[in-house]
Protein backbone atom coordinates (compact mmCIF):
# COMPACT_ATOMS: atom_id res chain seq x y z
CA MET A 1 -39.76 31.01 9.57
CA TRP A 2 -37.89 28.17 11.24
CA SER A 3 -38.15 24.76 9.64
CA ARG A 4 -39.73 21.87 11.48
CA THR A 5 -36.24 20.29 11.63
CA ARG A 6 -34.85 23.27 13.53
CA VAL A 7 -37.79 23.28 15.96
CA VAL A 8 -37.26 19.59 16.65
CA LEU A 9 -33.52 20.16 17.02
CA CYS A 10 -34.08 22.93 19.55
CA ALA A 11 -36.35 20.68 21.57
CA LEU A 12 -33.73 17.94 21.39
CA LEU A 13 -31.04 20.35 22.54
CA ALA A 14 -33.11 21.47 25.51
CA LEU A 15 -33.74 17.85 26.51
CA ALA A 16 -30.08 17.00 25.99
CA LEU A 17 -28.91 19.82 28.21
CA VAL A 18 -31.29 18.80 30.98
CA LEU A 19 -30.26 15.15 30.73
CA GLY A 20 -26.61 16.20 30.53
CA LEU A 21 -26.92 18.15 33.79
CA ALA A 22 -28.65 15.15 35.36
CA GLY A 23 -25.72 12.96 34.32
CA ALA A 24 -23.09 15.38 35.56
CA THR A 25 -23.03 13.78 38.99
CA VAL A 26 -20.65 11.11 37.65
CA LEU A 27 -18.13 13.83 36.78
CA GLY A 28 -15.97 16.08 38.87
CA GLN A 29 -14.01 13.36 40.68
CA PHE A 30 -10.79 14.08 38.75
CA ALA A 31 -8.91 17.32 38.00
CA ARG A 32 -10.50 18.56 34.79
CA ASN A 33 -7.25 19.76 33.16
CA GLU A 34 -5.74 16.25 33.39
CA THR A 35 -8.84 14.12 32.70
CA LEU A 36 -10.27 13.18 29.31
CA TYR A 37 -13.92 12.18 29.36
CA THR A 38 -15.07 9.92 26.54
CA GLY A 39 -18.28 8.13 25.56
CA GLY A 40 -19.78 6.16 22.72
CA LYS A 41 -18.28 2.69 23.04
CA GLN A 42 -19.94 1.25 26.12
CA TRP A 43 -23.73 0.69 26.26
CA GLY A 44 -23.75 -1.23 29.55
CA PRO A 45 -21.61 -1.83 32.63
CA VAL A 46 -18.05 -2.92 31.91
CA SER A 47 -17.55 -6.62 32.66
CA ASN A 48 -14.35 -7.82 30.99
CA TRP A 49 -10.85 -6.81 29.96
CA ASN A 50 -10.02 -9.90 27.93
CA PRO A 51 -8.48 -8.80 24.58
CA PHE A 52 -9.59 -12.08 22.94
CA MET A 53 -13.25 -11.37 23.70
CA THR A 54 -13.30 -8.80 20.95
CA GLY A 55 -17.00 -8.10 20.96
CA ASN A 56 -17.41 -6.67 24.45
CA TYR A 57 -14.16 -5.88 26.19
CA ALA A 58 -13.85 -2.57 28.09
CA MET A 59 -13.01 0.53 26.09
CA GLY A 60 -9.23 0.71 25.66
CA THR A 61 -8.46 -2.90 26.57
CA ILE A 62 -6.55 -3.08 23.30
CA GLY A 63 -4.65 0.13 22.75
CA LEU A 64 -4.57 1.67 26.22
CA CYS A 65 -3.67 -1.50 28.14
CA TYR A 66 -2.64 -4.31 25.74
CA GLU A 67 -0.77 -3.42 22.60
CA THR A 68 -0.18 -4.84 19.14
CA LEU A 69 2.97 -5.44 17.10
CA PHE A 70 2.11 -2.61 14.71
CA LEU A 71 -0.31 0.26 14.38
CA TYR A 72 -2.04 0.83 11.07
CA ASP A 73 -2.97 4.21 9.61
CA PRO A 74 -5.84 3.76 7.13
CA LEU A 75 -5.56 7.36 5.94
CA THR A 76 -2.01 6.87 4.70
CA ASN A 77 -2.04 3.08 4.30
CA GLN A 78 1.07 2.85 6.48
CA PHE A 79 2.06 0.32 9.15
CA ILE A 80 3.74 1.89 12.16
CA PRO A 81 6.18 -0.31 14.14
CA TRP A 82 4.98 -0.58 17.73
CA LEU A 83 5.83 -3.56 19.94
CA ALA A 84 7.69 -4.78 16.86
CA GLU A 85 10.59 -2.66 15.66
CA SER A 86 10.19 -4.16 12.20
CA GLY A 87 8.64 -7.02 10.26
CA ARG A 88 9.37 -8.53 6.84
CA TRP A 89 8.85 -11.58 4.67
CA VAL A 90 12.26 -13.25 4.49
CA ASN A 91 10.89 -15.70 1.95
CA ALA A 92 7.51 -16.66 0.51
CA THR A 93 6.43 -18.57 3.64
CA THR A 94 8.37 -17.00 6.54
CA TYR A 95 7.59 -13.71 8.25
CA GLU A 96 10.19 -12.31 10.64
CA VAL A 97 9.39 -9.88 13.48
CA LEU A 98 12.09 -7.99 15.37
CA VAL A 99 10.65 -7.50 18.85
CA ARG A 100 11.28 -4.12 20.45
CA GLN A 101 13.78 -4.21 23.29
CA GLY A 102 13.49 -2.36 26.62
CA VAL A 103 9.70 -2.72 26.88
CA LYS A 104 8.28 -3.74 30.26
CA TRP A 105 4.91 -5.02 31.34
CA SER A 106 3.11 -2.74 33.79
CA ASP A 107 4.15 -5.00 36.68
CA GLY A 108 7.80 -4.39 35.84
CA GLN A 109 8.51 -7.69 34.13
CA PRO A 110 10.37 -7.52 30.79
CA PHE A 111 8.43 -7.95 27.58
CA THR A 112 10.18 -10.47 25.32
CA ALA A 113 9.93 -12.33 22.04
CA GLU A 114 8.69 -15.30 24.04
CA ASP A 115 5.55 -13.31 24.96
CA VAL A 116 4.83 -12.86 21.24
CA LYS A 117 5.26 -16.58 20.54
CA PHE A 118 3.17 -17.49 23.57
CA THR A 119 0.30 -15.20 22.57
CA PHE A 120 -0.06 -16.63 19.07
CA GLU A 121 0.25 -20.20 20.36
CA LEU A 122 -2.70 -19.57 22.72
CA GLY A 123 -4.78 -20.10 19.58
CA LYS A 124 -3.82 -23.77 19.74
CA LYS A 125 -4.65 -24.05 23.47
CA ALA A 126 -8.03 -22.37 23.55
CA ALA A 127 -10.90 -21.53 21.14
CA LEU A 128 -10.02 -17.90 20.42
CA ASN A 129 -10.58 -15.43 17.62
CA ILE A 130 -6.98 -16.18 16.54
CA SER A 131 -7.34 -19.96 16.47
CA SER A 132 -8.08 -20.15 12.72
CA LEU A 133 -4.54 -18.83 12.13
CA TRP A 134 -3.28 -22.33 12.85
CA ASP A 135 -5.12 -23.65 9.77
CA TRP A 136 -2.30 -22.03 7.77
CA LEU A 137 0.37 -21.19 10.32
CA ASP A 138 2.81 -24.07 10.83
CA SER A 139 5.21 -23.03 13.59
CA ILE A 140 6.75 -20.14 15.50
CA THR A 141 10.43 -19.91 16.39
CA VAL A 142 12.20 -17.46 18.68
CA ILE A 143 15.81 -16.56 17.80
CA GLY A 144 17.02 -13.94 20.26
CA ALA A 145 14.90 -10.82 19.71
CA TYR A 146 13.47 -12.22 16.49
CA VAL A 147 10.28 -14.24 16.07
CA GLU A 148 9.88 -16.28 12.90
CA PHE A 149 6.38 -17.30 11.74
CA SER A 150 6.51 -20.20 9.32
CA PHE A 151 3.38 -20.71 7.23
CA LYS A 152 2.04 -23.74 5.39
CA GLU A 153 0.41 -21.47 2.81
CA PRO A 154 0.49 -17.75 3.67
CA LEU A 155 -2.67 -15.68 3.61
CA TYR A 156 -0.93 -12.34 3.10
CA GLN A 157 -3.94 -10.05 3.38
CA GLU A 158 -5.18 -11.69 6.54
CA TRP A 159 -1.72 -11.68 8.11
CA ASP A 160 -1.28 -7.95 7.64
CA ASN A 161 -4.63 -7.48 9.32
CA ASP A 162 -3.48 -9.65 12.26
CA LEU A 163 -0.29 -7.67 12.73
CA TYR A 164 -2.17 -4.64 14.10
CA ASN A 165 -5.17 -6.40 15.61
CA ILE A 166 -3.79 -9.22 17.77
CA ALA A 167 -2.86 -7.89 21.23
CA ILE A 168 0.17 -9.44 22.93
CA VAL A 169 -0.37 -10.78 26.46
CA PRO A 170 2.17 -11.67 29.19
CA GLU A 171 3.24 -15.29 29.37
CA HIS A 172 4.24 -14.97 33.03
CA ILE A 173 0.57 -14.31 33.94
CA TRP A 174 -1.53 -15.98 31.25
CA GLY A 175 0.69 -19.07 31.09
CA SER A 176 -0.83 -20.57 34.24
CA TRP A 177 -4.43 -20.18 33.03
CA ASP A 178 -6.49 -23.03 31.63
CA ALA A 179 -8.18 -22.84 28.20
CA THR A 180 -11.53 -21.71 29.66
CA LYS A 181 -10.04 -18.80 31.55
CA VAL A 182 -7.98 -17.73 28.55
CA ALA A 183 -11.05 -17.74 26.28
CA THR A 184 -13.76 -16.44 28.62
CA GLY A 185 -12.13 -15.09 31.79
CA ALA A 186 -12.80 -11.46 32.67
CA ASN A 187 -9.07 -10.74 33.18
CA GLY A 188 -9.95 -8.15 35.82
CA PRO A 189 -10.68 -6.07 37.72
CA ASP A 190 -8.95 -8.08 40.45
CA PRO A 191 -6.28 -9.01 39.64
CA LYS A 192 -6.07 -6.01 37.35
CA PRO A 193 -5.01 -6.51 33.73
CA ILE A 194 -1.27 -6.25 33.06
CA GLY A 195 -0.28 -4.74 29.71
CA THR A 196 2.49 -2.77 28.02
CA GLY A 197 0.33 0.22 27.12
CA PRO A 198 0.19 3.87 28.17
CA TYR A 199 -2.58 3.35 30.76
CA LEU A 200 -3.26 1.24 33.80
CA PHE A 201 -6.53 0.04 35.21
CA TYR A 202 -7.68 2.52 37.86
CA ALA A 203 -11.35 2.01 38.72
CA VAL A 204 -14.69 0.82 37.36
CA ASP A 205 -18.34 1.01 38.36
CA ASP A 206 -21.70 0.73 36.59
CA THR A 207 -21.39 4.22 35.09
CA LYS A 208 -17.76 4.45 33.97
CA MET A 209 -14.38 2.90 33.30
CA VAL A 210 -11.32 4.81 34.50
CA TRP A 211 -7.75 4.42 33.20
CA VAL A 212 -4.70 6.20 34.72
CA LYS A 213 -1.49 7.08 32.89
CA ASN A 214 1.37 4.59 33.01
CA ASP A 215 4.36 6.83 33.79
CA ASN A 216 6.73 4.04 32.70
CA TRP A 217 5.27 3.56 29.23
CA TRP A 218 8.03 2.34 26.91
CA ALA A 219 7.12 4.66 23.99
CA THR A 220 8.17 7.79 25.91
CA ALA A 221 11.82 6.78 25.90
CA ALA A 222 11.78 4.79 22.66
CA LEU A 223 9.66 7.04 20.47
CA GLY A 224 9.30 10.33 22.32
CA LYS A 225 5.56 9.71 22.72
CA SER A 226 3.66 10.78 25.82
CA VAL A 227 -0.10 10.63 26.26
CA ALA A 228 -1.43 13.93 27.60
CA PRO A 229 -4.40 13.00 29.85
CA LYS A 230 -3.51 11.54 33.23
CA TYR A 231 -6.94 9.96 33.48
CA ILE A 232 -9.34 8.71 30.84
CA VAL A 233 -12.89 8.32 32.09
CA ASP A 234 -15.12 6.43 29.65
CA LEU A 235 -18.77 6.98 30.50
CA VAL A 236 -21.36 4.27 29.94
CA ASN A 237 -23.94 5.53 27.45
CA THR A 238 -27.48 6.06 28.68
CA SER A 239 -28.92 7.74 25.59
CA ASN A 240 -27.79 9.81 22.64
CA GLU A 241 -29.69 12.77 24.12
CA ASN A 242 -27.72 12.58 27.37
CA SER A 243 -24.46 12.23 25.42
CA LEU A 244 -25.32 15.30 23.35
CA GLY A 245 -25.98 17.34 26.48
CA LEU A 246 -22.63 16.31 28.04
CA VAL A 247 -20.73 17.21 24.85
CA LEU A 248 -22.44 20.60 24.45
CA GLN A 249 -21.61 21.50 28.03
CA GLY A 250 -18.00 20.43 27.63
CA GLN A 251 -18.41 17.76 30.28
CA GLU A 252 -17.64 15.03 27.75
CA ASP A 253 -14.64 15.79 25.55
CA LEU A 254 -15.03 13.11 22.89
CA ASN A 255 -18.18 11.31 21.98
CA ASN A 256 -18.36 8.53 19.40
CA ASN A 257 -22.13 8.12 19.21
CA TYR A 258 -24.28 9.20 16.33
CA LEU A 259 -25.50 12.63 17.51
CA PRO A 260 -28.06 14.19 15.18
CA GLY A 261 -27.96 17.83 14.17
CA ILE A 262 -24.19 18.27 14.14
CA SER A 263 -24.36 20.32 10.96
CA ASP A 264 -26.45 22.90 12.84
CA LEU A 265 -24.27 22.82 15.96
CA ILE A 266 -20.76 23.24 14.52
CA ALA A 267 -21.29 26.99 14.22
CA GLY A 268 -23.42 27.24 17.37
CA GLY A 269 -20.78 28.50 19.79
CA TYR A 270 -20.33 25.22 21.64
CA ALA A 271 -16.59 24.79 20.93
CA LEU A 272 -17.63 21.68 19.05
CA HIS A 273 -15.55 20.05 16.31
CA THR A 274 -15.86 17.22 13.86
CA TYR A 275 -13.11 15.80 11.62
CA TYR A 276 -14.40 17.72 8.62
CA PRO A 277 -15.74 21.27 9.06
CA SER A 278 -18.55 20.61 6.57
CA ALA A 279 -20.42 17.67 5.02
CA PRO A 280 -19.91 14.80 5.54
CA TYR A 281 -18.34 16.01 8.88
CA HIS A 282 -17.03 12.52 9.73
CA LEU A 283 -14.60 10.05 8.23
CA ALA A 284 -16.16 6.89 6.75
CA ALA A 285 -15.96 3.90 9.08
CA ASN A 286 -17.96 1.24 7.29
CA THR A 287 -20.58 0.69 4.62
CA ALA A 288 -24.23 0.33 5.53
CA TRP A 289 -25.78 -2.10 3.09
CA LEU A 290 -29.03 -3.95 2.61
CA ASP A 291 -28.81 -7.61 3.62
CA ILE A 292 -31.12 -9.64 1.37
CA ASN A 293 -32.25 -13.10 2.48
CA LEU A 294 -31.84 -15.16 -0.65
CA GLN A 295 -33.62 -18.08 1.01
CA HIS A 296 -36.93 -16.12 1.03
CA LYS A 297 -38.99 -15.57 -2.11
CA PRO A 298 -38.97 -13.39 -4.11
CA MET A 299 -35.47 -12.29 -3.02
CA ASP A 300 -34.06 -15.38 -4.72
CA ASP A 301 -35.02 -13.73 -8.05
CA LEU A 302 -32.23 -11.53 -9.44
CA ALA A 303 -34.71 -9.34 -11.31
CA PHE A 304 -36.50 -8.58 -8.07
CA ARG A 305 -33.20 -7.69 -6.35
CA LYS A 306 -32.33 -5.36 -9.21
CA ALA A 307 -35.71 -3.64 -8.87
CA LEU A 308 -35.05 -3.19 -5.16
CA ALA A 309 -31.66 -1.57 -5.90
CA TYR A 310 -33.22 0.81 -8.44
CA ALA A 311 -36.03 1.69 -6.02
CA ILE A 312 -34.02 2.88 -3.00
CA ASN A 313 -33.49 6.63 -2.80
CA VAL A 314 -30.14 6.78 -0.98
CA ALA A 315 -29.83 10.55 -1.56
CA ASP A 316 -33.00 10.98 0.48
CA ILE A 317 -31.44 8.99 3.36
CA VAL A 318 -28.23 11.06 3.17
CA SER A 319 -30.02 14.42 3.23
CA ARG A 320 -33.24 13.88 5.19
CA ASP A 321 -32.10 11.30 7.70
CA TYR A 322 -28.49 12.29 8.24
CA GLY A 323 -28.44 15.94 7.30
CA ASN A 324 -25.54 15.16 4.93
CA MET A 325 -23.45 13.74 7.79
CA VAL A 326 -22.84 10.67 5.62
CA ALA A 327 -22.22 10.12 1.91
CA ALA A 328 -23.84 7.74 -0.54
CA ALA A 329 -21.82 4.59 -1.06
CA ASP A 330 -20.15 3.65 -4.31
CA PRO A 331 -22.15 0.83 -5.96
CA THR A 332 -19.35 -1.56 -4.94
CA GLY A 333 -19.56 -0.40 -1.32
CA LEU A 334 -15.80 -0.04 -1.06
CA LEU A 335 -14.84 2.71 1.42
CA PRO A 336 -13.13 5.90 0.21
CA THR A 337 -9.80 4.67 1.57
CA TRP A 338 -10.05 1.75 -0.91
CA SER A 339 -11.04 3.87 -3.93
CA GLN A 340 -8.01 2.73 -5.94
CA PHE A 341 -9.53 -0.77 -6.02
CA VAL A 342 -12.84 0.26 -7.56
CA ASP A 343 -12.95 -0.89 -11.17
CA GLN A 344 -14.77 2.04 -12.75
CA SER A 345 -15.39 0.14 -15.99
CA VAL A 346 -17.29 -2.55 -14.02
CA VAL A 347 -19.24 0.09 -12.12
CA GLN A 348 -20.16 1.91 -15.34
CA ARG A 349 -21.35 -1.32 -16.93
CA LEU A 350 -23.16 -2.93 -13.97
CA GLY A 351 -23.63 -0.32 -11.21
CA ILE A 352 -27.19 0.45 -10.19
CA THR A 353 -28.34 3.78 -8.82
CA TYR A 354 -31.75 5.22 -7.89
CA ASN A 355 -34.15 5.02 -10.85
CA PRO A 356 -37.80 4.34 -9.94
CA ALA A 357 -38.88 4.16 -13.57
CA GLN A 358 -36.28 1.48 -14.21
CA ALA A 359 -37.41 -0.35 -11.07
CA LYS A 360 -40.97 -0.53 -12.38
CA GLN A 361 -39.79 -1.59 -15.83
CA THR A 362 -37.58 -4.35 -14.36
CA LEU A 363 -40.47 -5.67 -12.29
CA ALA A 364 -42.86 -5.68 -15.23
CA ALA A 365 -40.38 -7.41 -17.54
CA ALA A 366 -39.94 -10.17 -14.95
CA GLY A 367 -43.70 -10.76 -14.59
CA TYR A 368 -44.38 -8.83 -11.41
CA LYS A 369 -47.67 -6.95 -11.66
CA ASP A 370 -50.42 -5.53 -9.45
CA VAL A 371 -53.15 -8.13 -9.76
CA ASN A 372 -55.63 -6.92 -7.14
CA GLY A 373 -55.23 -3.16 -7.58
CA ASP A 374 -53.84 -2.46 -4.10
CA GLY A 375 -50.84 -0.62 -5.48
CA PHE A 376 -48.35 -3.46 -4.81
CA VAL A 377 -47.10 -6.03 -7.27
CA GLU A 378 -47.67 -9.72 -6.86
CA ALA A 379 -45.10 -12.39 -7.79
CA PRO A 380 -45.31 -13.97 -11.28
CA ASP A 381 -47.13 -16.94 -9.73
CA GLY A 382 -49.77 -14.54 -8.30
CA SER A 383 -48.66 -14.80 -4.67
CA LYS A 384 -48.67 -11.68 -2.52
CA ILE A 385 -45.41 -9.95 -1.59
CA ALA A 386 -45.25 -8.51 1.93
CA LEU A 387 -41.71 -8.02 3.19
CA LYS A 388 -40.22 -6.63 6.42
CA ILE A 389 -37.01 -4.69 6.74
CA ILE A 390 -35.45 -4.77 10.21
CA VAL A 391 -33.08 -2.66 12.30
CA PRO A 392 -32.61 -2.62 16.08
CA ASN A 393 -35.16 -0.60 18.05
CA GLY A 394 -33.62 2.62 19.34
CA TRP A 395 -31.09 3.00 16.52
CA SER A 396 -32.83 6.20 15.46
CA ASP A 397 -30.82 6.93 12.32
CA TRP A 398 -31.34 3.43 10.93
CA MET A 399 -35.03 3.52 11.96
CA ALA A 400 -35.47 6.67 9.92
CA ALA A 401 -33.50 5.15 7.05
CA ILE A 402 -35.72 2.09 6.68
CA GLN A 403 -38.81 4.34 6.78
CA ILE A 404 -37.36 6.12 3.73
CA ILE A 405 -36.52 2.78 2.11
CA SER A 406 -40.07 1.58 2.75
CA ALA A 407 -41.52 4.71 1.12
CA SER A 408 -39.16 4.33 -1.87
CA THR A 409 -40.02 0.72 -2.49
CA LYS A 410 -43.75 1.25 -2.07
CA ALA A 411 -43.59 4.02 -4.64
CA VAL A 412 -42.56 1.46 -7.28
CA GLY A 413 -45.05 -1.16 -6.06
CA ILE A 414 -42.93 -3.29 -3.68
CA ASN A 415 -44.56 -3.73 -0.28
CA VAL A 416 -41.79 -3.37 2.33
CA GLU A 417 -42.70 -2.53 5.90
CA PRO A 418 -40.19 -1.28 8.52
CA SER A 419 -39.82 -3.34 11.72
CA TYR A 420 -37.85 -2.58 14.90
CA PRO A 421 -37.09 -5.66 17.01
CA ASP A 422 -34.83 -5.22 20.05
CA TYR A 423 -31.15 -5.77 19.35
CA GLY A 424 -31.27 -9.38 20.48
CA GLY A 425 -34.20 -10.12 18.18
CA TYR A 426 -32.49 -8.35 15.28
CA LEU A 427 -29.28 -10.32 15.82
CA ASP A 428 -31.16 -13.60 16.15
CA ALA A 429 -33.08 -13.02 12.94
CA ARG A 430 -29.96 -12.10 11.03
CA LEU A 431 -27.89 -15.03 12.26
CA ASN A 432 -30.67 -17.59 11.82
CA GLY A 433 -31.87 -16.34 8.45
CA THR A 434 -35.41 -15.57 9.55
CA PHE A 435 -35.37 -11.98 8.20
CA ASP A 436 -36.40 -10.69 4.79
CA LEU A 437 -34.30 -7.52 4.60
CA ALA A 438 -31.97 -5.91 7.15
CA ILE A 439 -29.48 -3.06 7.41
CA ASP A 440 -25.97 -4.21 8.32
CA ASN A 441 -22.55 -2.56 8.62
CA GLN A 442 -20.22 -4.96 10.35
CA ALA A 443 -17.26 -4.90 7.94
CA GLN A 444 -15.13 -2.03 9.28
CA ILE A 445 -12.38 0.00 7.71
CA SER A 446 -9.17 -2.00 7.59
CA ASN A 447 -5.86 -2.38 5.80
CA THR A 448 -7.39 -4.39 2.95
CA PRO A 449 -10.59 -4.77 0.90
CA TRP A 450 -10.16 -8.50 1.56
CA SER A 451 -11.88 -8.02 4.93
CA TYR A 452 -14.88 -6.47 3.14
CA TYR A 453 -15.22 -9.27 0.59
CA HIS A 454 -14.54 -11.93 3.21
CA PHE A 455 -17.61 -10.64 5.03
CA ILE A 456 -19.89 -10.34 1.98
CA PHE A 457 -18.83 -13.71 0.55
CA TYR A 458 -18.33 -15.59 3.80
CA ASP A 459 -18.15 -19.21 2.66
CA LYS A 460 -18.85 -21.21 5.84
CA LEU A 461 -22.62 -21.17 5.32
CA ALA A 462 -23.29 -23.93 7.84
CA ASP A 463 -21.54 -21.88 10.57
CA ILE A 464 -23.48 -18.65 10.10
CA PRO A 465 -26.00 -19.29 12.93
CA SER A 466 -23.15 -19.58 15.42
CA THR A 467 -20.90 -16.80 14.21
CA GLN A 468 -20.92 -13.23 12.96
CA GLY A 469 -18.78 -14.12 9.98
CA GLY A 470 -21.04 -12.45 7.43
CA ASN A 471 -23.09 -13.44 4.35
CA TYR A 472 -26.34 -13.49 6.29
CA GLY A 473 -28.32 -13.75 3.08
CA ARG A 474 -26.76 -17.17 2.46
CA TYR A 475 -25.40 -16.32 -0.97
CA ASN A 476 -23.78 -19.48 -2.35
CA ASN A 477 -21.24 -18.98 -5.13
CA PRO A 478 -18.11 -21.20 -5.05
CA ALA A 479 -16.47 -19.04 -7.71
CA ALA A 480 -16.80 -15.91 -5.52
CA PHE A 481 -15.59 -17.83 -2.46
CA ALA A 482 -12.52 -19.03 -4.37
CA LEU A 483 -11.72 -15.48 -5.51
CA VAL A 484 -11.81 -14.22 -1.89
CA THR A 485 -9.30 -16.94 -0.98
CA GLN A 486 -7.21 -16.03 -4.02
CA LEU A 487 -7.23 -12.38 -2.88
CA ASP A 488 -6.15 -13.48 0.62
CA LYS A 489 -3.20 -15.33 -0.91
CA THR A 490 -2.12 -12.27 -2.94
CA ALA A 491 0.76 -10.31 -1.44
CA THR A 492 -0.36 -6.90 -0.18
CA SER A 493 2.55 -5.38 -2.15
CA ASP A 494 1.06 -6.78 -5.37
CA VAL A 495 -1.48 -4.02 -6.01
CA ALA A 496 -1.99 -5.02 -9.62
CA GLY A 497 -2.76 -8.60 -8.59
CA MET A 498 -5.19 -7.38 -5.94
CA LYS A 499 -6.98 -5.15 -8.45
CA SER A 500 -7.36 -8.03 -10.88
CA VAL A 501 -9.05 -10.28 -8.32
CA ILE A 502 -11.14 -7.47 -6.84
CA SER A 503 -12.41 -6.51 -10.32
CA GLN A 504 -13.72 -10.07 -10.73
CA LEU A 505 -15.37 -9.94 -7.31
CA GLN A 506 -17.00 -6.65 -8.18
CA THR A 507 -18.33 -8.11 -11.40
CA ILE A 508 -19.95 -10.97 -9.46
CA GLN A 509 -21.26 -8.65 -6.75
CA LEU A 510 -22.81 -6.13 -9.13
CA THR A 511 -24.19 -8.86 -11.39
CA ASP A 512 -25.81 -10.98 -8.64
CA LEU A 513 -26.51 -8.31 -5.99
CA PRO A 514 -26.23 -10.50 -2.89
CA ILE A 515 -26.19 -7.23 -0.94
CA ILE A 516 -26.99 -3.63 -1.88
CA PRO A 517 -24.52 -0.96 -0.61
CA LEU A 518 -26.34 2.16 0.52
CA TRP A 519 -24.27 4.76 2.42
CA TYR A 520 -21.02 5.16 4.36
CA ASN A 521 -21.54 5.21 8.11
CA GLY A 522 -19.39 7.81 9.79
CA MET A 523 -16.70 7.49 12.42
CA TRP A 524 -19.00 9.48 14.64
CA ALA A 525 -16.66 11.84 16.53
CA GLN A 526 -17.82 14.99 18.26
CA MET A 527 -14.93 16.75 20.01
CA SER A 528 -15.15 19.63 22.50
CA SER A 529 -12.25 22.07 22.89
CA ALA A 530 -13.61 23.41 26.18
CA HIS A 531 -10.98 21.46 28.13
CA TRP A 532 -8.70 19.85 25.53
CA THR A 533 -7.26 21.09 22.25
CA GLY A 534 -5.14 19.54 19.50
CA TRP A 535 -7.86 17.28 18.16
CA PRO A 536 -7.45 15.51 14.80
CA SER A 537 -9.09 17.16 11.83
CA SER A 538 -8.80 17.41 8.07
CA ALA A 539 -7.14 20.84 8.29
CA ALA A 540 -3.68 21.02 6.81
CA GLY A 541 -1.95 22.01 10.05
CA ASP A 542 -3.68 19.46 12.28
CA VAL A 543 -2.91 15.80 12.92
CA HIS A 544 -4.84 13.32 10.82
CA TYR A 545 -5.44 10.48 13.29
CA LEU A 546 -8.68 8.63 13.92
CA PRO A 547 -10.58 10.29 16.80
CA VAL A 548 -12.43 7.09 17.78
CA THR A 549 -12.51 4.95 20.95
CA TRP A 550 -14.28 1.91 19.44
CA ASN A 551 -12.74 -1.56 19.59
CA GLY A 552 -10.01 -1.88 16.99
CA TYR A 553 -9.55 1.87 16.48
CA TRP A 554 -6.95 2.71 19.13
CA ASN A 555 -4.51 0.58 17.14
CA MET A 556 -5.48 2.46 13.97
CA THR A 557 -3.80 5.70 15.22
CA SER A 558 -6.33 6.82 17.86
CA ILE A 559 -3.64 6.22 20.48
CA LEU A 560 -1.50 8.84 18.71
CA MET A 561 -4.34 11.35 19.10
CA LEU A 562 -3.77 11.24 22.87
CA CYS A 563 -0.14 12.26 22.38
CA ASN A 564 -1.18 15.43 20.55
CA LEU A 565 -3.82 16.71 23.00
CA LYS A 566 -3.15 19.70 25.24
CA PRO A 567 -5.17 21.10 28.15
CA ALA A 568 -7.12 24.17 27.06
CA SER A 569 -5.88 27.49 28.40
């Protein structure tokens, strides 16, 4: 007899196929053997191509159009020279970049070291995501093809992160813009964005963004790299069901949404691939953790937070919600690519895993007991506890996860109800500290665990309502904040020094539980070989690049994926 899950999945597939056919009218405008169709990044009409507006620029703005000095490969922990031929610390406070020669902007103008200097100095002209660099960057000097960055006090971890995330823009175009246009201008579609990358702006409408191959891309001559698709058509998402239908029919080649049921579809004859052929199917992109508002009682009580951590059945979320498409997080929350930095002795001593009996015991020892016999504990002062845990409405996997969390906590006597505000309401509650509990996953995979701890222990508490810097629970620990800064000042080549600082941060994190790591969210990537082959995978003979179109991922080797694709026979 079929399980209820399989019956639901079959119904979902039928709906997806119908919706996929309904959405097929946006396709067919380009030759199929030279067009790559993607989806999963854009949830509304494309409106800007400004690489400094990192939250909402069009898919491929950085990577396909604008490029960075280096690429970074998180699977090998290697920096790949890109617009820079090389980079090195010539002394403790000076970093030298050799700018690649022979590169041209897509309008034919030469790319130079002056463009690099100009881009970074925009942070002094306008309020940009790179402006904080100038708190510790002193000056930039161009000497021929070399650019020297002189620092007041280098933040080595942060600088390495900047080397592959800051896109270089052309001085001969951006130099005439005022600060407002630099910071908030759409930078397209007319005049179209001018970059150094492998693709040019081609067309845009409410349903899609289209890029066309730049036949004069510098990397073809310099590195022997050539992107295979002539066109990339990124479709605006309408629903996960519609995306699933397009992928199953081979009308969308790469989708980076969470699509349920992949474990049942891999062997279903749909020419469908994921990075891994079996669980967890996807690479880990970030850690989903429980944000805890320490300004709300009883979350300010460490014993209560410990009971929460013991109460949550993460294995249930992994198996029942995700069908083993994700893996449970390490108690530190550090991603698998950072496993060398997990201090196992700290985890053994302080790590908390699912243990409902221990949750009940911890509550009782701290004075929490069921006074009125309703099955839920009251606080030690007798006040009722009724908490809400929030995720955005429509995020079906997270909605299911907090239902499981609610059931887990209620089983040990903690009254937690799931709540599903729209995304705007969720974001507002998180930023303004009006939530009790929330699922969050903003700290993405990167070159350094510093970015993870910078998010958890974000120290500018007064700025949280106006930024997405992190630490939404308002955890205040100057010692932890100082350690994050110390880590930032540790050279990335000093692995032993990094481990020492990170061990101290893990001790604080696992002792105080400002957040509770739960599971690793996947780099959702469903690839169809109906029209394109050569996709990345974990197989020994395949390329091991990231098959993801999200912001910040093209410059983490996804661009190299395009160079390995081939039209299907």
